[in-house]
PDB file of all heavy atoms in Angstrom:
ATOM      1  N   TRP A   1     202.702 -35.068  99.470  1.00  0.00           N
ATOM      2  CA  TRP A   1     202.289 -34.940  98.172  1.00  0.00           C
ATOM      3  C   TRP A   1     201.808 -36.265  97.540  1.00  0.00           C
ATOM      4  O   TRP A   1     200.855 -36.278  96.710  1.00  0.00           O
ATOM      5  CB  TRP A   1     203.521 -34.572  97.151  1.00  0.00           C
ATOM      6  CG  TRP A   1     204.577 -35.563  97.151  1.00  0.00           C
ATOM      7  CD1 TRP A   1     205.592 -35.711  98.001  1.00  0.00           C
ATOM      8  CD2 TRP A   1     204.715 -36.605  96.122  1.00  0.00           C
ATOM      9  NE1 TRP A   1     206.412 -36.867  97.572  1.00  0.00           N
ATOM     10  CE2 TRP A   1     205.843 -37.378  96.308  1.00  0.00           C
ATOM     11  CE3 TRP A   1     203.891 -36.993  95.054  1.00  0.00           C
ATOM     12  CZ2 TRP A   1     206.177 -38.392  95.510  1.00  0.00           C
ATOM     13  CZ3 TRP A   1     204.238 -37.929  94.211  1.00  0.00           C
ATOM     14  CH2 TRP A   1     205.415 -38.678  94.493  1.00  0.00           C
ATOM     15  N   SER A   2     202.218 -37.405  97.971  1.00  0.00           N
ATOM     16  CA  SER A   2     201.733 -38.681  97.523  1.00  0.00           C
ATOM     17  C   SER A   2     200.563 -39.148  98.322  1.00  0.00           C
ATOM     18  O   SER A   2     199.793 -40.122  97.859  1.00  0.00           O
ATOM     19  CB  SER A   2     202.827 -39.626  97.553  1.00  0.00           C
ATOM     20  OG  SER A   2     203.151 -40.036  98.879  1.00  0.00           O
ATOM     21  N   GLY A   3     200.350 -38.628  99.424  1.00  0.00           N
ATOM     22  CA  GLY A   3     199.302 -39.193 100.289  1.00  0.00           C
ATOM     23  C   GLY A   3     199.922 -40.288 101.190  1.00  0.00           C
ATOM     24  O   GLY A   3     199.068 -40.869 102.010  1.00  0.00           O
ATOM     25  N   GLY A   4     201.203 -40.670 100.981  1.00  0.00           N
ATOM     26  CA  GLY A   4     201.667 -41.779 101.793  1.00  0.00           C
ATOM     27  C   GLY A   4     202.044 -41.584 103.170  1.00  0.00           C
ATOM     28  O   GLY A   4     202.208 -42.484 103.996  1.00  0.00           O
ATOM     29  N   SER A   5     202.127 -40.269 103.537  1.00  0.00           N
ATOM     30  CA  SER A   5     202.546 -39.809 104.846  1.00  0.00           C
ATOM     31  C   SER A   5     201.443 -38.829 105.376  1.00  0.00           C
ATOM     32  O   SER A   5     201.092 -37.784 104.627  1.00  0.00           O
ATOM     33  CB  SER A   5     203.861 -39.227 104.943  1.00  0.00           C
ATOM     34  OG  SER A   5     204.890 -40.220 104.572  1.00  0.00           O
ATOM     35  N   THR A   6     200.916 -39.124 106.482  1.00  0.00           N
ATOM     36  CA  THR A   6     199.983 -38.209 107.146  1.00  0.00           C
ATOM     37  C   THR A   6     200.341 -37.984 108.629  1.00  0.00           C
ATOM     38  O   THR A   6     200.996 -38.869 109.272  1.00  0.00           O
ATOM     39  CB  THR A   6     198.611 -38.829 107.135  1.00  0.00           C
ATOM     40  OG1 THR A   6     198.565 -40.076 107.794  1.00  0.00           O
ATOM     41  CG2 THR A   6     198.034 -39.063 105.681  1.00  0.00           C
ATOM     42  N   TYR A   7     200.014 -36.774 109.139  1.00  0.00           N
ATOM     43  CA  TYR A   7     200.489 -36.418 110.353  1.00  0.00           C
ATOM     44  C   TYR A   7     199.295 -35.657 111.009  1.00  0.00           C
ATOM     45  O   TYR A   7     198.514 -34.872 110.484  1.00  0.00           O
ATOM     46  CB  TYR A   7     201.629 -35.427 110.459  1.00  0.00           C
ATOM     47  CG  TYR A   7     202.769 -36.003 109.528  1.00  0.00           C
ATOM     48  CD1 TYR A   7     202.917 -35.626 108.222  1.00  0.00           C
ATOM     49  CD2 TYR A   7     203.753 -36.826 110.195  1.00  0.00           C
ATOM     50  CE1 TYR A   7     203.905 -36.165 107.432  1.00  0.00           C
ATOM     51  CE2 TYR A   7     204.807 -37.338 109.366  1.00  0.00           C
ATOM     52  CZ  TYR A   7     204.877 -36.940 107.939  1.00  0.00           C
ATOM     53  OH  TYR A   7     205.838 -37.492 107.238  1.00  0.00           O
ATOM     54  N   TYR A   8     199.077 -35.957 112.501  1.00  0.00           N
ATOM     55  CA  TYR A   8     197.905 -35.285 113.113  1.00  0.00           C
ATOM     56  C   TYR A   8     198.305 -34.728 114.491  1.00  0.00           C
ATOM     57  O   TYR A   8     199.373 -35.249 115.125  1.00  0.00           O
ATOM     58  CB  TYR A   8     196.965 -36.477 113.408  1.00  0.00           C
ATOM     59  CG  TYR A   8     196.406 -37.042 112.210  1.00  0.00           C
ATOM     60  CD1 TYR A   8     196.928 -38.222 111.702  1.00  0.00           C
ATOM     61  CD2 TYR A   8     195.260 -36.535 111.478  1.00  0.00           C
ATOM     62  CE1 TYR A   8     196.352 -38.820 110.480  1.00  0.00           C
ATOM     63  CE2 TYR A   8     194.767 -37.066 110.428  1.00  0.00           C
ATOM     64  CZ  TYR A   8     195.320 -38.307 109.862  1.00  0.00           C
ATOM     65  OH  TYR A   8     194.833 -38.856 108.747  1.00  0.00           O
ATOM     66  N   ALA A   9     197.685 -33.630 114.814  1.00  0.00           N
ATOM     67  CA  ALA A   9     197.849 -33.094 116.129  1.00  0.00           C
ATOM     68  C   ALA A   9     197.291 -34.035 117.069  1.00  0.00           C
ATOM     69  O   ALA A   9     196.463 -34.763 116.819  1.00  0.00           O
ATOM     70  CB  ALA A   9     197.130 -31.714 116.146  1.00  0.00           C
ATOM     71  N   ASP A  10     197.823 -34.160 118.266  1.00  0.00           N
ATOM     72  CA  ASP A  10     197.334 -35.079 119.326  1.00  0.00           C
ATOM     73  C   ASP A  10     195.846 -34.869 119.632  1.00  0.00           C
ATOM     74  O   ASP A  10     195.111 -35.831 119.885  1.00  0.00           O
ATOM     75  CB  ASP A  10     198.051 -34.942 120.632  1.00  0.00           C
ATOM     76  CG  ASP A  10     199.506 -35.424 120.394  1.00  0.00           C
ATOM     77  OD1 ASP A  10     199.834 -36.098 119.509  1.00  0.00           O
ATOM     78  OD2 ASP A  10     200.384 -35.021 121.407  1.00  0.00           O
ATOM     79  N   SER A  11     195.309 -33.646 119.514  1.00  0.00           N
ATOM     80  CA  SER A  11     194.017 -33.366 119.933  1.00  0.00           C
ATOM     81  C   SER A  11     192.998 -33.939 118.897  1.00  0.00           C
ATOM     82  O   SER A  11     191.820 -34.049 119.324  1.00  0.00           O
ATOM     83  CB  SER A  11     193.850 -31.906 119.961  1.00  0.00           C
ATOM     84  OG  SER A  11     194.155 -31.230 118.717  1.00  0.00           O
ATOM     85  N   VAL A  12     193.357 -34.367 117.779  1.00  0.00           N
ATOM     86  CA  VAL A  12     192.544 -34.876 116.736  1.00  0.00           C
ATOM     87  C   VAL A  12     192.856 -36.264 116.354  1.00  0.00           C
ATOM     88  O   VAL A  12     192.080 -36.950 115.560  1.00  0.00           O
ATOM     89  CB  VAL A  12     192.436 -34.022 115.530  1.00  0.00           C
ATOM     90  CG1 VAL A  12     192.143 -32.557 115.807  1.00  0.00           C
ATOM     91  CG2 VAL A  12     193.649 -34.180 114.662  1.00  0.00           C
ATOM     92  N   LYS A  13     193.947 -36.811 116.770  1.00  0.00           N
ATOM     93  CA  LYS A  13     194.412 -38.107 116.387  1.00  0.00           C
ATOM     94  C   LYS A  13     193.400 -39.217 116.803  1.00  0.00           C
ATOM     95  O   LYS A  13     192.985 -39.212 117.877  1.00  0.00           O
ATOM     96  CB  LYS A  13     195.842 -38.384 117.042  1.00  0.00           C
ATOM     97  CG  LYS A  13     196.677 -39.627 116.354  1.00  0.00           C
ATOM     98  CD  LYS A  13     197.905 -39.607 116.946  1.00  0.00           C
ATOM     99  CE  LYS A  13     198.745 -38.405 116.673  1.00  0.00           C
ATOM    100  NZ  LYS A  13     200.223 -38.519 117.286  1.00  0.00           N
ATOM    101  N   GLY A  14     193.065 -40.091 115.911  1.00  0.00           N
ATOM    102  CA  GLY A  14     192.114 -41.101 116.060  1.00  0.00           C
ATOM    103  C   GLY A  14     190.701 -40.672 115.780  1.00  0.00           C
ATOM    104  O   GLY A  14     189.844 -41.606 115.634  1.00  0.00           O
ATOM    105  N   ARG A  15     190.390 -39.418 115.522  1.00  0.00           N
ATOM    106  CA  ARG A  15     189.102 -38.900 115.259  1.00  0.00           C
ATOM    107  C   ARG A  15     189.039 -38.331 113.914  1.00  0.00           C
ATOM    108  O   ARG A  15     188.093 -38.296 113.148  1.00  0.00           O
ATOM    109  CB  ARG A  15     188.687 -37.794 116.252  1.00  0.00           C
ATOM    110  CG  ARG A  15     188.684 -38.357 117.630  1.00  0.00           C
ATOM    111  CD  ARG A  15     188.056 -37.222 118.644  1.00  0.00           C
ATOM    112  NE  ARG A  15     188.812 -36.009 118.600  1.00  0.00           N
ATOM    113  CZ  ARG A  15     188.213 -34.853 118.292  1.00  0.00           C
ATOM    114  NH1 ARG A  15     186.996 -34.742 118.002  1.00  0.00           N
ATOM    115  NH2 ARG A  15     189.070 -33.740 118.440  1.00  0.00           N
ATOM    116  N   PHE A  16     190.160 -37.690 113.350  1.00  0.00           N
ATOM    117  CA  PHE A  16     190.241 -36.950 112.088  1.00  0.00           C
ATOM    118  C   PHE A  16     191.112 -37.836 111.116  1.00  0.00           C
ATOM    119  O   PHE A  16     192.063 -38.474 111.534  1.00  0.00           O
ATOM    120  CB  PHE A  16     190.732 -35.628 112.205  1.00  0.00           C
ATOM    121  CG  PHE A  16     189.906 -34.619 112.897  1.00  0.00           C
ATOM    122  CD1 PHE A  16     188.828 -34.893 113.630  1.00  0.00           C
ATOM    123  CD2 PHE A  16     190.157 -33.134 112.790  1.00  0.00           C
ATOM    124  CE1 PHE A  16     187.996 -34.039 114.299  1.00  0.00           C
ATOM    125  CE2 PHE A  16     189.497 -32.309 113.375  1.00  0.00           C
ATOM    126  CZ  PHE A  16     188.368 -32.794 114.259  1.00  0.00           C
ATOM    127  N   THR A  17     190.661 -37.871 109.877  1.00  0.00           N
ATOM    128  CA  THR A  17     191.584 -38.460 108.756  1.00  0.00           C
ATOM    129  C   THR A  17     191.652 -37.505 107.692  1.00  0.00           C
ATOM    130  O   THR A  17     190.748 -36.966 107.118  1.00  0.00           O
ATOM    131  CB  THR A  17     190.796 -39.697 108.334  1.00  0.00           C
ATOM    132  OG1 THR A  17     190.677 -40.598 109.484  1.00  0.00           O
ATOM    133  CG2 THR A  17     191.656 -40.379 107.311  1.00  0.00           C
ATOM    134  N   ILE A  18     192.938 -37.252 107.344  1.00  0.00           N
ATOM    135  CA  ILE A  18     193.271 -36.493 106.163  1.00  0.00           C
ATOM    136  C   ILE A  18     193.530 -37.373 104.867  1.00  0.00           C
ATOM    137  O   ILE A  18     194.177 -38.455 105.149  1.00  0.00           O
ATOM    138  CB  ILE A  18     194.536 -35.524 106.359  1.00  0.00           C
ATOM    139  CG1 ILE A  18     194.648 -34.588 105.310  1.00  0.00           C
ATOM    140  CG2 ILE A  18     195.694 -36.279 106.744  1.00  0.00           C
ATOM    141  CD1 ILE A  18     195.613 -33.439 105.661  1.00  0.00           C
ATOM    142  N   SER A  19     193.077 -37.002 103.762  1.00  0.00           N
ATOM    143  CA  SER A  19     193.274 -37.767 102.696  1.00  0.00           C
ATOM    144  C   SER A  19     193.266 -36.839 101.332  1.00  0.00           C
ATOM    145  O   SER A  19     193.015 -35.760 101.458  1.00  0.00           O
ATOM    146  CB  SER A  19     192.174 -38.925 102.417  1.00  0.00           C
ATOM    147  OG  SER A  19     190.901 -38.301 102.337  1.00  0.00           O
ATOM    148  N   ARG A  20     193.652 -37.483 100.189  1.00  0.00           N
ATOM    149  CA  ARG A  20     193.732 -36.686  99.019  1.00  0.00           C
ATOM    150  C   ARG A  20     193.421 -37.348  97.746  1.00  0.00           C
ATOM    151  O   ARG A  20     193.627 -38.705  97.790  1.00  0.00           O
ATOM    152  CB  ARG A  20     195.011 -35.970  98.959  1.00  0.00           C
ATOM    153  CG  ARG A  20     196.296 -36.918  98.548  1.00  0.00           C
ATOM    154  CD  ARG A  20     197.581 -36.128  98.666  1.00  0.00           C
ATOM    155  NE  ARG A  20     197.677 -35.058  97.653  1.00  0.00           N
ATOM    156  CZ  ARG A  20     198.496 -33.979  97.711  1.00  0.00           C
ATOM    157  NH1 ARG A  20     199.169 -33.855  98.836  1.00  0.00           N
ATOM    158  NH2 ARG A  20     198.623 -33.144  96.757  1.00  0.00           N
ATOM    159  N   ASP A  21     192.760 -36.827  96.794  1.00  0.00           N
ATOM    160  CA  ASP A  21     192.515 -37.442  95.592  1.00  0.00           C
ATOM    161  C   ASP A  21     193.231 -36.509  94.512  1.00  0.00           C
ATOM    162  O   ASP A  21     192.711 -35.451  94.099  1.00  0.00           O
ATOM    163  CB  ASP A  21     190.905 -37.391  95.283  1.00  0.00           C
ATOM    164  CG  ASP A  21     190.551 -38.213  94.025  1.00  0.00           C
ATOM    165  OD1 ASP A  21     191.548 -38.210  93.091  1.00  0.00           O
ATOM    166  OD2 ASP A  21     189.522 -38.617  93.942  1.00  0.00           O
ATOM    167  N   ASN A  22     194.306 -36.906  93.997  1.00  0.00           N
ATOM    168  CA  ASN A  22     195.079 -35.962  93.144  1.00  0.00           C
ATOM    169  C   ASN A  22     194.470 -35.911  91.812  1.00  0.00           C
ATOM    170  O   ASN A  22     194.601 -34.861  91.074  1.00  0.00           O
ATOM    171  CB  ASN A  22     196.497 -36.507  92.993  1.00  0.00           C
ATOM    172  CG  ASN A  22     197.350 -36.273  94.195  1.00  0.00           C
ATOM    173  OD1 ASN A  22     196.989 -35.462  95.020  1.00  0.00           O
ATOM    174  ND2 ASN A  22     198.487 -36.898  94.308  1.00  0.00           N
ATOM    175  N   ALA A  23     193.562 -36.849  91.393  1.00  0.00           N
ATOM    176  CA  ALA A  23     192.817 -36.727  90.128  1.00  0.00           C
ATOM    177  C   ALA A  23     191.825 -35.635  90.210  1.00  0.00           C
ATOM    178  O   ALA A  23     191.413 -34.991  89.292  1.00  0.00           O
ATOM    179  CB  ALA A  23     192.193 -38.113  89.650  1.00  0.00           C
ATOM    180  N   LYS A  24     191.339 -35.413  91.386  1.00  0.00           N
ATOM    181  CA  LYS A  24     190.263 -34.262  91.670  1.00  0.00           C
ATOM    182  C   LYS A  24     190.928 -33.019  92.240  1.00  0.00           C
ATOM    183  O   LYS A  24     190.195 -32.087  92.580  1.00  0.00           O
ATOM    184  CB  LYS A  24     189.176 -34.756  92.562  1.00  0.00           C
ATOM    185  CG  LYS A  24     188.387 -35.997  91.899  1.00  0.00           C
ATOM    186  CD  LYS A  24     187.296 -36.365  92.862  1.00  0.00           C
ATOM    187  CE  LYS A  24     186.431 -37.505  92.293  1.00  0.00           C
ATOM    188  NZ  LYS A  24     185.414 -37.966  93.125  1.00  0.00           N
ATOM    189  N   ASN A  25     192.233 -33.048  92.362  1.00  0.00           N
ATOM    190  CA  ASN A  25     192.902 -31.805  92.970  1.00  0.00           C
ATOM    191  C   ASN A  25     192.230 -31.493  94.286  1.00  0.00           C
ATOM    192  O   ASN A  25     192.080 -30.190  94.580  1.00  0.00           O
ATOM    193  CB  ASN A  25     192.866 -30.646  91.997  1.00  0.00           C
ATOM    194  CG  ASN A  25     194.030 -30.761  91.041  1.00  0.00           C
ATOM    195  OD1 ASN A  25     194.465 -31.802  90.661  1.00  0.00           O
ATOM    196  ND2 ASN A  25     194.232 -29.653  90.386  1.00  0.00           N
ATOM    197  N   THR A  26     191.945 -32.344  95.120  1.00  0.00           N
ATOM    198  CA  THR A  26     191.214 -32.159  96.379  1.00  0.00           C
ATOM    199  C   THR A  26     191.710 -32.881  97.576  1.00  0.00           C
ATOM    200  O   THR A  26     192.273 -34.067  97.424  1.00  0.00           O
ATOM    201  CB  THR A  26     189.792 -32.540  96.267  1.00  0.00           C
ATOM    202  OG1 THR A  26     189.146 -31.830  95.084  1.00  0.00           O
ATOM    203  CG2 THR A  26     189.020 -32.199  97.475  1.00  0.00           C
ATOM    204  N   VAL A  27     191.871 -32.182  98.678  1.00  0.00           N
ATOM    205  CA  VAL A  27     192.308 -32.814  99.921  1.00  0.00           C
ATOM    206  C   VAL A  27     190.995 -32.813 100.814  1.00  0.00           C
ATOM    207  O   VAL A  27     190.255 -31.758 100.827  1.00  0.00           O
ATOM    208  CB  VAL A  27     193.368 -32.022 100.552  1.00  0.00           C
ATOM    209  CG1 VAL A  27     193.640 -32.510 101.899  1.00  0.00           C
ATOM    210  CG2 VAL A  27     194.753 -32.252  99.504  1.00  0.00           C
ATOM    211  N   TYR A  28     190.918 -33.841 101.622  1.00  0.00           N
ATOM    212  CA  TYR A  28     189.703 -34.017 102.504  1.00  0.00           C
ATOM    213  C   TYR A  28     190.210 -34.031 104.007  1.00  0.00           C
ATOM    214  O   TYR A  28     191.305 -34.480 104.288  1.00  0.00           O
ATOM    215  CB  TYR A  28     189.019 -35.272 102.137  1.00  0.00           C
ATOM    216  CG  TYR A  28     188.478 -35.388 100.711  1.00  0.00           C
ATOM    217  CD1 TYR A  28     189.173 -35.963  99.795  1.00  0.00           C
ATOM    218  CD2 TYR A  28     187.379 -34.665 100.376  1.00  0.00           C
ATOM    219  CE1 TYR A  28     188.735 -36.222  98.480  1.00  0.00           C
ATOM    220  CE2 TYR A  28     186.941 -34.750  99.020  1.00  0.00           C
ATOM    221  CZ  TYR A  28     187.687 -35.493  98.063  1.00  0.00           C
ATOM    222  OH  TYR A  28     187.263 -35.467  96.875  1.00  0.00           O
ATOM    223  N   LEU A  29     189.350 -33.716 104.857  1.00  0.00           N
ATOM    224  CA  LEU A  29     189.605 -33.922 106.366  1.00  0.00           C
ATOM    225  C   LEU A  29     188.204 -34.494 106.863  1.00  0.00           C
ATOM    226  O   LEU A  29     187.145 -33.794 106.910  1.00  0.00           O
ATOM    227  CB  LEU A  29     189.788 -32.546 106.934  1.00  0.00           C
ATOM    228  CG  LEU A  29     190.149 -32.704 108.448  1.00  0.00           C
ATOM    229  CD1 LEU A  29     191.525 -33.428 108.577  1.00  0.00           C
ATOM    230  CD2 LEU A  29     190.207 -31.334 109.165  1.00  0.00           C
ATOM    231  N   GLN A  30     188.211 -35.720 107.032  1.00  0.00           N
ATOM    232  CA  GLN A  30     187.144 -36.462 107.595  1.00  0.00           C
ATOM    233  C   GLN A  30     187.193 -36.226 109.141  1.00  0.00           C
ATOM    234  O   GLN A  30     188.111 -36.635 109.776  1.00  0.00           O
ATOM    235  CB  GLN A  30     187.039 -37.897 107.212  1.00  0.00           C
ATOM    236  CG  GLN A  30     185.950 -38.745 107.954  1.00  0.00           C
ATOM    237  CD  GLN A  30     184.543 -38.392 107.454  1.00  0.00           C
ATOM    238  OE1 GLN A  30     184.443 -38.106 106.195  1.00  0.00           O
ATOM    239  NE2 GLN A  30     183.610 -38.237 108.277  1.00  0.00           N
ATOM    240  N   MET A  31     186.081 -35.782 109.766  1.00  0.00           N
ATOM    241  CA  MET A  31     186.044 -35.362 111.101  1.00  0.00           C
ATOM    242  C   MET A  31     184.917 -36.102 111.850  1.00  0.00           C
ATOM    243  O   MET A  31     183.833 -35.974 111.465  1.00  0.00           O
ATOM    244  CB  MET A  31     185.867 -33.882 111.315  1.00  0.00           C
ATOM    245  CG  MET A  31     186.946 -32.954 110.676  1.00  0.00           C
ATOM    246  SD  MET A  31     186.819 -31.240 111.096  1.00  0.00           S
ATOM    247  CE  MET A  31     185.212 -30.861 110.441  1.00  0.00           C
ATOM    248  N   ASN A  32     185.296 -37.142 112.534  1.00  0.00           N
ATOM    249  CA  ASN A  32     184.528 -37.957 113.439  1.00  0.00           C
ATOM    250  C   ASN A  32     184.400 -37.688 114.918  1.00  0.00           C
ATOM    251  O   ASN A  32     185.490 -37.009 115.321  1.00  0.00           O
ATOM    252  CB  ASN A  32     184.658 -39.350 113.187  1.00  0.00           C
ATOM    253  CG  ASN A  32     184.605 -39.737 111.720  1.00  0.00           C
ATOM    254  OD1 ASN A  32     183.731 -39.189 110.981  1.00  0.00           O
ATOM    255  ND2 ASN A  32     185.304 -40.708 111.350  1.00  0.00           N
ATOM    256  N   SER A  33     183.459 -38.176 115.596  1.00  0.00           N
ATOM    257  CA  SER A  33     183.374 -37.906 117.023  1.00  0.00           C
ATOM    258  C   SER A  33     183.628 -36.550 117.390  1.00  0.00           C
ATOM    259  O   SER A  33     184.543 -36.122 118.400  1.00  0.00           O
ATOM    260  CB  SER A  33     184.403 -38.829 117.680  1.00  0.00           C
ATOM    261  OG  SER A  33     184.150 -40.150 117.487  1.00  0.00           O
ATOM    262  N   LEU A  34     182.959 -35.512 116.823  1.00  0.00           N
ATOM    263  CA  LEU A  34     183.360 -34.137 116.984  1.00  0.00           C
ATOM    264  C   LEU A  34     182.973 -33.666 118.420  1.00  0.00           C
ATOM    265  O   LEU A  34     181.967 -34.137 118.926  1.00  0.00           O
ATOM    266  CB  LEU A  34     182.642 -33.238 116.013  1.00  0.00           C
ATOM    267  CG  LEU A  34     183.345 -33.248 114.561  1.00  0.00           C
ATOM    268  CD1 LEU A  34     182.270 -32.793 113.505  1.00  0.00           C
ATOM    269  CD2 LEU A  34     184.586 -32.400 114.597  1.00  0.00           C
ATOM    270  N   LYS A  35     183.718 -32.746 118.943  1.00  0.00           N
ATOM    271  CA  LYS A  35     183.503 -32.134 120.214  1.00  0.00           C
ATOM    272  C   LYS A  35     183.308 -30.709 120.136  1.00  0.00           C
ATOM    273  O   LYS A  35     183.824 -30.025 119.154  1.00  0.00           O
ATOM    274  CB  LYS A  35     184.709 -32.490 121.136  1.00  0.00           C
ATOM    275  CG  LYS A  35     185.261 -33.860 121.169  1.00  0.00           C
ATOM    276  CD  LYS A  35     186.497 -34.022 121.939  1.00  0.00           C
ATOM    277  CE  LYS A  35     187.129 -35.529 122.007  1.00  0.00           C
ATOM    278  NZ  LYS A  35     188.325 -35.578 122.723  1.00  0.00           N
ATOM    279  N   PRO A  36     182.698 -30.087 121.128  1.00  0.00           N
ATOM    280  CA  PRO A  36     182.524 -28.611 121.095  1.00  0.00           C
ATOM    281  C   PRO A  36     183.876 -27.958 120.916  1.00  0.00           C
ATOM    282  O   PRO A  36     183.911 -26.792 120.254  1.00  0.00           O
ATOM    283  CB  PRO A  36     181.839 -28.321 122.403  1.00  0.00           C
ATOM    284  CG  PRO A  36     181.043 -29.655 122.785  1.00  0.00           C
ATOM    285  CD  PRO A  36     181.931 -30.663 122.216  1.00  0.00           C
ATOM    286  N   GLU A  37     184.904 -28.381 121.394  1.00  0.00           N
ATOM    287  CA  GLU A  37     186.118 -27.715 121.374  1.00  0.00           C
ATOM    288  C   GLU A  37     186.850 -27.797 119.949  1.00  0.00           C
ATOM    289  O   GLU A  37     187.839 -27.206 119.603  1.00  0.00           O
ATOM    290  CB  GLU A  37     187.188 -28.360 122.350  1.00  0.00           C
ATOM    291  CG  GLU A  37     187.334 -29.811 122.422  1.00  0.00           C
ATOM    292  CD  GLU A  37     186.385 -30.460 123.502  1.00  0.00           C
ATOM    293  OE1 GLU A  37     185.229 -30.033 123.587  1.00  0.00           O
ATOM    294  OE2 GLU A  37     186.979 -31.350 124.156  1.00  0.00           O
ATOM    295  N   ASP A  38     186.173 -28.497 119.031  1.00  0.00           N
ATOM    296  CA  ASP A  38     186.658 -28.622 117.720  1.00  0.00           C
ATOM    297  C   ASP A  38     186.052 -27.414 116.851  1.00  0.00           C
ATOM    298  O   ASP A  38     186.404 -27.216 115.668  1.00  0.00           O
ATOM    299  CB  ASP A  38     186.121 -29.791 116.916  1.00  0.00           C
ATOM    300  CG  ASP A  38     186.818 -31.132 117.516  1.00  0.00           C
ATOM    301  OD1 ASP A  38     188.119 -31.039 117.767  1.00  0.00           O
ATOM    302  OD2 ASP A  38     186.266 -32.104 117.750  1.00  0.00           O
ATOM    303  N   THR A  39     185.221 -26.542 117.496  1.00  0.00           N
ATOM    304  CA  THR A  39     184.530 -25.423 116.842  1.00  0.00           C
ATOM    305  C   THR A  39     185.673 -24.443 116.530  1.00  0.00           C
ATOM    306  O   THR A  39     186.490 -23.972 117.302  1.00  0.00           O
ATOM    307  CB  THR A  39     183.560 -24.782 117.816  1.00  0.00           C
ATOM    308  OG1 THR A  39     182.510 -25.716 118.075  1.00  0.00           O
ATOM    309  CG2 THR A  39     183.095 -23.533 117.269  1.00  0.00           C
ATOM    310  N   ALA A  40     185.670 -24.003 115.199  1.00  0.00           N
ATOM    311  CA  ALA A  40     186.755 -23.075 114.654  1.00  0.00           C
ATOM    312  C   ALA A  40     186.504 -22.983 113.330  1.00  0.00           C
ATOM    313  O   ALA A  40     185.636 -23.605 112.630  1.00  0.00           O
ATOM    314  CB  ALA A  40     188.167 -23.741 114.876  1.00  0.00           C
ATOM    315  N   VAL A  41     187.170 -22.013 112.775  1.00  0.00           N
ATOM    316  CA  VAL A  41     187.313 -21.854 111.223  1.00  0.00           C
ATOM    317  C   VAL A  41     188.489 -22.813 110.842  1.00  0.00           C
ATOM    318  O   VAL A  41     189.599 -22.659 111.347  1.00  0.00           O
ATOM    319  CB  VAL A  41     187.589 -20.302 110.744  1.00  0.00           C
ATOM    320  CG1 VAL A  41     187.744 -20.226 109.365  1.00  0.00           C
ATOM    321  CG2 VAL A  41     186.421 -19.580 111.207  1.00  0.00           C
ATOM    322  N   TYR A  42     188.231 -23.577 109.887  1.00  0.00           N
ATOM    323  CA  TYR A  42     189.138 -24.523 109.359  1.00  0.00           C
ATOM    324  C   TYR A  42     189.720 -23.963 107.993  1.00  0.00           C
ATOM    325  O   TYR A  42     188.995 -23.643 107.104  1.00  0.00           O
ATOM    326  CB  TYR A  42     188.629 -25.964 109.201  1.00  0.00           C
ATOM    327  CG  TYR A  42     188.356 -26.656 110.507  1.00  0.00           C
ATOM    328  CD1 TYR A  42     187.496 -26.205 111.440  1.00  0.00           C
ATOM    329  CD2 TYR A  42     189.242 -27.660 110.839  1.00  0.00           C
ATOM    330  CE1 TYR A  42     187.261 -26.739 112.635  1.00  0.00           C
ATOM    331  CE2 TYR A  42     189.149 -28.458 112.069  1.00  0.00           C
ATOM    332  CZ  TYR A  42     188.164 -27.934 112.897  1.00  0.00           C
ATOM    333  OH  TYR A  42     188.000 -28.526 114.139  1.00  0.00           O
TER     334      TYR A  42
END
């Protein structure tokens, strides 16, 4: 809830970053170094 703790699946660790802006009521998922196996509905 605070953004102070984040957790990642091993398959995305080091490539994806989750963050939040509570003032905007929004959570983000920054996805870098994307691979074909990342293809999915999120």
